[in-house]
């Protein structure tokens, strides 16, 4: 795809996923658009072995947008970063098609590993604001990662993940994440655990009260 084709594709993606945009000209002001233009050039330089110039172009993109995409990362079609400040994407990250990231997302490593040390994301994925996906884990297709979550291990396809560390709280969602772009209406596993403990505690209290009643009744019968 040539530069004109890339620009048209970016305009289409941003207009589809951001309800705040009112004209195609606004796309040229978007951090996501600017950083992806820098990334495409830097990635071609990286693949050609021009590592210094790849990083030079990449760092210009960082200074302009606050989004850091290593030129070695592999990104599919339909990629969109909403707002974007603070997003970090590591060198060996692989991203499928139609993936959306919000501000503050990190696709990073867990230390000084060598080889494949960053995440692999499938297609049709949404990752909420401030979420971290770390290490060489794989996130399957059609997944949604809740805001602020920390993912350290593989996530099966069609899952919703929330919490620290991330827990799968829903499987087999029918709607694709980019169809709703909803970061908030997600299950709360901590609240659900607390409610389950409260239910179990109520059952235990009721059982103790029943046993006390039976004991008193038995004692009364013996005294008679």
Protein backbone atom coordinates (compact mmCIF):
# COMPACT_ATOMS: atom_id res chain seq x y z
CA UNK A 1 0.00 0.00 0.00
CA UNK A 2 1.40 3.40 -1.03
CA UNK A 3 1.49 6.54 1.09
CA UNK A 4 -1.80 7.86 -0.34
CA UNK A 5 -3.45 4.51 0.31
CA UNK A 6 -2.10 4.49 3.88
CA UNK A 7 -3.45 7.98 4.55
CA UNK A 8 -6.91 7.05 3.21
CA UNK A 9 -6.93 3.90 5.34
CA UNK A 10 -5.98 5.84 8.49
CA UNK A 11 -8.71 8.40 7.84
CA UNK A 12 -11.28 5.63 7.41
CA UNK A 13 -10.23 3.84 10.61
CA UNK A 14 -10.23 6.96 12.79
CA UNK A 15 -13.56 8.21 11.47
CA UNK A 16 -15.14 4.81 12.15
CA UNK A 17 -13.93 4.50 15.75
CA UNK A 18 -13.88 8.02 17.17
CA UNK A 19 -17.30 9.68 17.54
CA UNK A 20 -15.60 13.00 18.38
CA UNK A 21 -14.31 13.53 14.84
CA UNK A 22 -16.36 15.72 12.49
CA UNK A 23 -14.23 15.98 9.35
CA UNK A 24 -11.51 14.06 7.56
CA UNK A 25 -9.14 17.03 7.90
CA UNK A 26 -9.14 16.56 11.70
CA UNK A 27 -7.44 13.18 11.23
CA UNK A 28 -4.19 14.97 10.35
CA UNK A 29 -4.15 16.38 13.90
CA UNK A 30 -4.62 13.02 15.61
CA UNK A 31 -1.67 11.47 17.49
CA UNK A 32 -2.68 8.02 16.19
CA UNK A 33 -2.42 9.23 12.59
CA UNK A 34 0.91 10.97 13.12
CA UNK A 35 2.55 8.08 14.95
CA UNK A 36 1.38 5.51 12.40
CA UNK A 37 2.90 7.54 9.57
CA UNK A 38 6.20 7.59 11.47
CA UNK A 39 5.88 3.89 12.32
CA UNK A 40 5.39 2.80 8.69
CA UNK A 41 8.54 4.61 7.59
CA UNK A 42 10.54 3.41 10.59
CA UNK A 43 9.38 -0.19 10.16
CA UNK A 44 10.52 -0.27 6.53
CA UNK A 45 13.92 1.10 7.56
CA UNK A 46 14.13 -1.48 10.37
CA UNK A 47 13.32 -4.37 8.04
CA UNK A 48 16.02 -3.11 5.66
CA UNK A 49 18.61 -3.20 8.45
CA UNK A 50 18.86 0.59 8.88
CA UNK A 51 18.36 0.37 12.63
CA UNK A 52 19.74 3.79 13.58
CA UNK A 53 17.58 5.66 11.09
CA UNK A 54 14.59 3.54 12.03
CA UNK A 55 14.98 4.58 15.67
CA UNK A 56 15.62 8.19 14.65
CA UNK A 57 12.30 8.35 12.77
CA UNK A 58 10.57 6.47 15.58
CA UNK A 59 11.82 8.88 18.25
CA UNK A 60 10.59 11.85 16.23
CA UNK A 61 7.16 10.24 16.38
CA UNK A 62 7.47 9.82 20.16
CA UNK A 63 8.33 13.48 20.68
CA UNK A 64 5.36 14.59 18.58
CA UNK A 65 2.72 12.26 19.98
CA UNK A 66 3.79 10.75 23.33
CA UNK A 67 3.29 7.30 21.77
CA UNK A 68 6.28 4.96 21.52
CA UNK A 69 6.12 2.21 18.90
CA UNK A 70 9.38 0.35 18.38
CA UNK A 71 10.09 0.12 14.63
CA UNK A 72 10.54 -3.65 14.96
CA UNK A 73 6.94 -4.22 16.08
CA UNK A 74 4.61 -5.86 13.55
CA UNK A 75 1.18 -4.24 13.26
CA UNK A 76 -1.71 -5.44 11.10
CA UNK A 77 -4.49 -3.54 9.35
CA UNK A 78 -7.12 -1.44 11.07
CA UNK A 79 -4.94 -0.43 14.04
CA UNK A 80 -6.14 2.57 16.09
CA UNK A 81 -4.88 4.32 19.22
CA UNK A 82 -7.50 6.51 20.89
CA UNK A 83 -5.94 9.62 22.51
CA UNK A 84 -2.72 7.65 22.89
CA UNK A 85 -0.45 9.51 25.27
CA UNK A 86 1.75 7.07 27.18
CA UNK A 87 1.19 4.08 24.88
CA UNK A 88 4.29 1.86 24.59
CA UNK A 89 4.70 -1.01 22.12
CA UNK A 90 7.84 -3.14 22.36
CA UNK A 91 10.14 -4.44 19.64
CA UNK A 92 8.90 -8.03 19.31
CA UNK A 93 5.20 -7.19 19.68
CA UNK A 94 2.93 -8.69 17.02
CA UNK A 95 -0.52 -7.12 16.53
CA UNK A 96 -3.25 -8.56 14.31
CA UNK A 97 -6.00 -6.72 12.43
CA UNK A 98 -8.61 -4.32 13.82
CA UNK A 99 -6.99 -3.72 17.21
CA UNK A 100 -7.79 -0.65 19.34
CA UNK A 101 -5.64 0.65 22.20
CA UNK A 102 -6.51 3.46 24.61
CA UNK A 103 -4.14 5.87 26.36
CA UNK A 104 -1.51 4.51 28.72
CA UNK A 105 -1.49 0.96 27.34
CA UNK A 106 1.81 -0.91 27.55
CA UNK A 107 2.67 -3.92 25.39
CA UNK A 108 6.00 -4.59 27.05
CA UNK A 109 8.51 -7.09 28.36
CA UNK A 110 9.08 -8.36 31.88
CA UNK A 111 12.85 -7.90 32.13
CA UNK A 112 15.96 -8.47 30.04
CA UNK A 113 14.75 -11.52 28.15
CA UNK A 114 16.07 -12.24 24.68
CA UNK A 115 14.14 -13.37 21.63
CA UNK A 116 10.34 -13.03 21.63
CA UNK A 117 9.80 -10.99 24.78
CA UNK A 118 6.70 -8.93 24.01
CA UNK A 119 3.02 -9.86 23.55
CA UNK A 120 1.27 -11.28 20.51
CA UNK A 121 -2.25 -9.92 19.96
CA UNK A 122 -4.78 -11.55 17.67
CA UNK A 123 -7.42 -9.65 15.69
CA UNK A 124 -10.50 -7.70 16.82
CA UNK A 125 -9.08 -6.77 20.23
CA UNK A 126 -9.71 -3.74 22.45
CA UNK A 127 -7.36 -2.85 25.32
CA UNK A 128 -8.66 -0.28 27.81
CA UNK A 129 -6.86 2.74 29.23
CA UNK A 130 -3.83 2.03 31.39
CA UNK A 131 -3.85 -1.73 30.81
CA UNK A 132 -0.53 -3.61 30.67
CA UNK A 133 0.14 -6.76 28.67
CA UNK A 134 3.62 -7.99 29.57
CA UNK A 135 5.91 -10.74 28.35
CA UNK A 136 5.63 -13.13 25.43
CA UNK A 137 1.99 -14.02 26.15
CA UNK A 138 -0.71 -14.37 23.50
CA UNK A 139 -4.10 -12.67 23.54
CA UNK A 140 -6.57 -14.50 21.31
CA UNK A 141 -8.96 -13.02 18.76
CA UNK A 142 -12.06 -11.02 19.80
CA UNK A 143 -10.82 -10.22 23.31
CA UNK A 144 -11.42 -7.20 25.51
CA UNK A 145 -8.91 -6.17 28.20
CA UNK A 146 -10.44 -3.91 30.84
CA UNK A 147 -8.91 -0.56 31.82
CA UNK A 148 -6.07 -0.85 34.33
CA UNK A 149 -5.74 -4.62 33.98
CA UNK A 150 -2.37 -6.38 34.02
CA UNK A 151 -2.09 -9.42 31.74
CA UNK A 152 0.87 -11.75 32.32
CA UNK A 153 -0.27 -15.01 30.72
CA UNK A 154 -2.13 -16.25 27.64
CA UNK A 155 -5.75 -15.21 27.13
CA UNK A 156 -8.06 -17.53 25.15
CA UNK A 157 -10.07 -16.11 22.24
CA UNK A 158 -13.45 -14.45 22.84
CA UNK A 159 -12.61 -13.46 26.42
CA UNK A 160 -13.01 -10.42 28.65
CA UNK A 161 -10.18 -9.85 31.13
CA UNK A 162 -10.16 -7.52 34.14
CA UNK A 163 -8.10 -7.03 37.30
CA UNK A 164 -4.55 -7.22 38.61
CA UNK A 165 -3.40 -9.76 37.71
CA UNK A 166 -5.84 -10.12 34.85
CA UNK A 167 -8.60 -12.70 35.20
CA UNK A 168 -10.87 -14.03 32.48
CA UNK A 169 -14.38 -13.10 33.62
CA UNK A 170 -16.38 -13.76 30.47
CA UNK A 171 -16.01 -16.09 27.51
CA UNK A 172 -17.57 -16.34 24.06
CA UNK A 173 -18.72 -12.73 23.63
CA UNK A 174 -20.81 -12.42 20.48
CA UNK A 175 -20.20 -8.72 19.75
CA UNK A 176 -16.74 -7.72 18.56
CA UNK A 177 -14.98 -5.14 20.80
CA UNK A 178 -14.82 -2.47 18.10
CA UNK A 179 -18.59 -2.77 17.58
CA UNK A 180 -19.22 -1.23 21.01
CA UNK A 181 -15.90 0.39 22.10
CA UNK A 182 -17.20 -0.05 25.67
CA UNK A 183 -14.52 0.09 28.38
CA UNK A 184 -16.78 0.37 31.40
CA UNK A 185 -19.58 -2.22 31.46
CA UNK A 186 -17.32 -5.11 32.45
CA UNK A 187 -17.75 -7.70 35.20
CA UNK A 188 -16.10 -6.96 38.57
CA UNK A 189 -14.55 -10.22 39.85
CA UNK A 190 -13.59 -8.73 43.24
CA UNK A 191 -17.16 -7.58 43.88
CA UNK A 192 -18.45 -10.98 42.76
CA UNK A 193 -16.05 -12.74 45.16
CA UNK A 194 -17.15 -10.49 48.04
CA UNK A 195 -20.82 -11.16 47.26
CA UNK A 196 -20.14 -14.91 47.19
CA UNK A 197 -18.38 -14.69 50.58
CA UNK A 198 -21.31 -12.71 51.98
CA UNK A 199 -23.75 -15.33 50.71
CA UNK A 200 -21.68 -18.17 52.20
CA UNK A 201 -21.37 -16.26 55.50
CA UNK A 202 -25.15 -15.75 55.67
CA UNK A 203 -25.74 -19.45 55.04
CA UNK A 204 -23.25 -20.36 57.79
CA UNK A 205 -24.86 -17.95 60.29
CA UNK A 206 -28.31 -19.34 59.53
CA UNK A 207 -27.00 -22.88 59.99
CA UNK A 208 -25.42 -21.96 63.37
CA UNK A 209 -28.67 -20.37 64.53
CA UNK A 210 -30.58 -23.48 63.52
CA UNK A 211 -28.13 -25.72 65.38
CA UNK A 212 -28.42 -23.51 68.48
CA UNK A 213 -32.22 -23.73 68.27
CA UNK A 214 -32.05 -27.53 67.98
CA UNK A 215 -29.62 -27.72 70.90
CA UNK A 216 -31.86 -25.60 73.12
CA UNK A 217 -34.84 -27.72 72.16
CA UNK A 218 -32.95 -30.92 72.92
CA UNK A 219 -31.77 -29.56 76.29
CA UNK A 220 -35.30 -28.57 77.22
CA UNK A 221 -36.63 -32.01 76.37
CA UNK A 222 -33.95 -33.67 78.52
CA UNK A 223 -34.75 -31.43 81.48
CA UNK A 224 -38.43 -32.37 81.26
